[in-house]
Protein backbone atom coordinates (compact mmCIF):
# COMPACT_ATOMS: atom_id res chain seq x y z
CA MET A 1 205.81 -77.31 -8.47
CA SER A 2 204.19 -74.75 -6.20
CA HIS A 3 200.42 -74.38 -6.33
CA TYR A 4 200.97 -70.87 -7.75
CA GLN A 5 203.80 -69.52 -9.87
CA ARG A 6 203.52 -66.24 -7.98
CA HIS A 7 201.48 -65.14 -5.00
CA ILE A 8 200.79 -61.40 -4.59
CA PHE A 9 199.70 -60.17 -1.16
CA PHE A 10 198.24 -56.70 -0.57
CA CYS A 11 198.13 -55.39 2.97
CA CYS A 12 194.50 -54.32 3.41
CA ASN A 13 194.66 -53.73 7.14
CA GLN A 14 192.36 -51.08 8.57
CA ARG A 15 193.55 -49.44 11.77
CA SER A 16 191.63 -47.24 14.15
CA GLU A 17 190.54 -43.87 12.88
CA GLY A 18 193.46 -41.51 12.45
CA GLU A 19 196.17 -44.17 12.52
CA THR A 20 198.28 -44.69 9.40
CA CYS A 21 197.33 -47.85 7.55
CA CYS A 22 197.43 -49.30 4.06
CA ASN A 23 193.67 -49.57 3.64
CA ALA A 24 193.23 -45.85 4.32
CA LYS A 25 195.54 -45.29 1.34
CA GLY A 26 193.37 -47.27 -1.08
CA ALA A 27 194.85 -50.75 -0.63
CA SER A 28 191.59 -52.66 -1.05
CA ALA A 29 190.76 -50.85 -4.29
CA MET A 30 194.27 -51.48 -5.65
CA ARG A 31 194.06 -55.16 -4.70
CA ASP A 32 190.73 -55.44 -6.53
CA TYR A 33 192.24 -53.68 -9.54
CA ALA A 34 195.28 -56.00 -9.59
CA LYS A 35 193.09 -59.08 -9.22
CA GLN A 36 190.87 -58.02 -12.13
CA ARG A 37 193.85 -57.20 -14.34
CA ILE A 38 195.57 -60.52 -13.58
CA LYS A 39 192.34 -62.34 -14.47
CA ALA A 40 191.89 -60.29 -17.67
CA LEU A 41 195.42 -61.22 -18.74
CA GLY A 42 194.62 -64.91 -18.23
CA LEU A 43 197.24 -65.21 -15.50
CA ALA A 44 194.98 -66.24 -12.59
CA GLY A 45 194.50 -69.76 -11.31
CA LYS A 46 196.28 -72.92 -10.30
CA GLY A 47 199.85 -73.00 -11.55
CA LYS A 48 199.64 -69.31 -12.42
CA MET A 49 199.17 -66.29 -10.14
CA ARG A 50 197.02 -65.46 -7.16
CA VAL A 51 196.23 -62.04 -5.69
CA ASN A 52 195.20 -61.99 -2.02
CA LYS A 53 194.56 -59.51 0.73
CA ALA A 54 196.55 -59.79 3.92
CA GLY A 55 196.46 -58.36 7.40
CA CYS A 56 199.00 -55.89 8.67
CA PHE A 57 202.59 -56.22 7.43
CA ASP A 58 203.67 -53.62 10.03
CA ARG A 59 205.19 -51.39 7.35
CA CYS A 60 202.45 -48.73 7.35
CA GLN A 61 204.87 -45.81 7.41
CA GLU A 62 206.30 -46.90 4.04
CA GLY A 63 202.99 -46.47 2.27
CA PRO A 64 200.57 -49.12 1.09
CA CYS A 65 202.45 -52.41 0.73
CA VAL A 66 202.35 -55.38 -1.58
CA VAL A 67 204.71 -58.36 -1.52
CA VAL A 68 205.33 -60.79 -4.37
CA TYR A 69 206.32 -64.39 -3.65
CA PRO A 70 208.32 -66.52 -4.23
CA GLU A 71 210.78 -63.66 -4.75
CA ALA A 72 209.73 -61.91 -1.51
CA VAL A 73 209.94 -58.51 -3.18
CA TRP A 74 208.18 -55.68 -1.33
CA TYR A 75 206.63 -52.72 -3.13
CA THR A 76 204.74 -49.59 -2.33
CA TYR A 77 202.44 -47.87 -4.81
CA ILE A 78 200.27 -44.82 -5.28
CA ASP A 79 197.84 -45.60 -8.06
CA GLU A 80 196.79 -48.00 -10.82
CA SER A 81 199.73 -47.02 -13.02
CA ASP A 82 202.12 -48.26 -10.31
CA ILE A 83 200.16 -51.54 -10.07
CA ASP A 84 200.29 -51.84 -13.86
CA GLU A 85 204.06 -51.36 -13.78
CA ILE A 86 204.46 -54.09 -11.14
CA ILE A 87 202.30 -56.45 -13.21
CA ASP A 88 203.94 -55.61 -16.54
CA GLU A 89 207.54 -55.57 -15.37
CA HIS A 90 207.76 -57.97 -12.44
CA LEU A 91 204.96 -60.45 -12.97
CA LEU A 92 205.14 -60.66 -16.76
CA LYS A 93 208.83 -59.96 -17.49
CA GLY A 94 210.54 -60.91 -14.23
CA ASN A 95 212.11 -57.47 -13.77
CA PHE A 96 211.88 -55.90 -10.33
CA VAL A 97 210.50 -52.36 -10.27
CA GLU A 98 213.29 -50.69 -8.33
CA ARG A 99 211.60 -47.29 -7.99
CA LEU A 100 208.71 -48.90 -6.06
CA ARG A 101 210.71 -51.34 -3.91
CA ILE A 102 210.75 -50.95 -0.15
């Protein structure tokens, strides 16, 4: 068994002023939100799920990025409702959120 059932990585890279990057689009706040929600649902910890920040995924032009492993599914998002949908559909039900996939 893997240490985590699922590992969720948010790109929180900050580029030089004026350059497109995930963190300038609220990535750190969305990562914090996802981490808090996962904990509140009792899904965090060994054998469960882990939310982490990551460096640049080099997909900045596609919007802020998050990737879910072990499925290796890439998403973009705009706000907390998109993060909720990823958590509710993908992480809880196992259904990919096609409208947010990149």
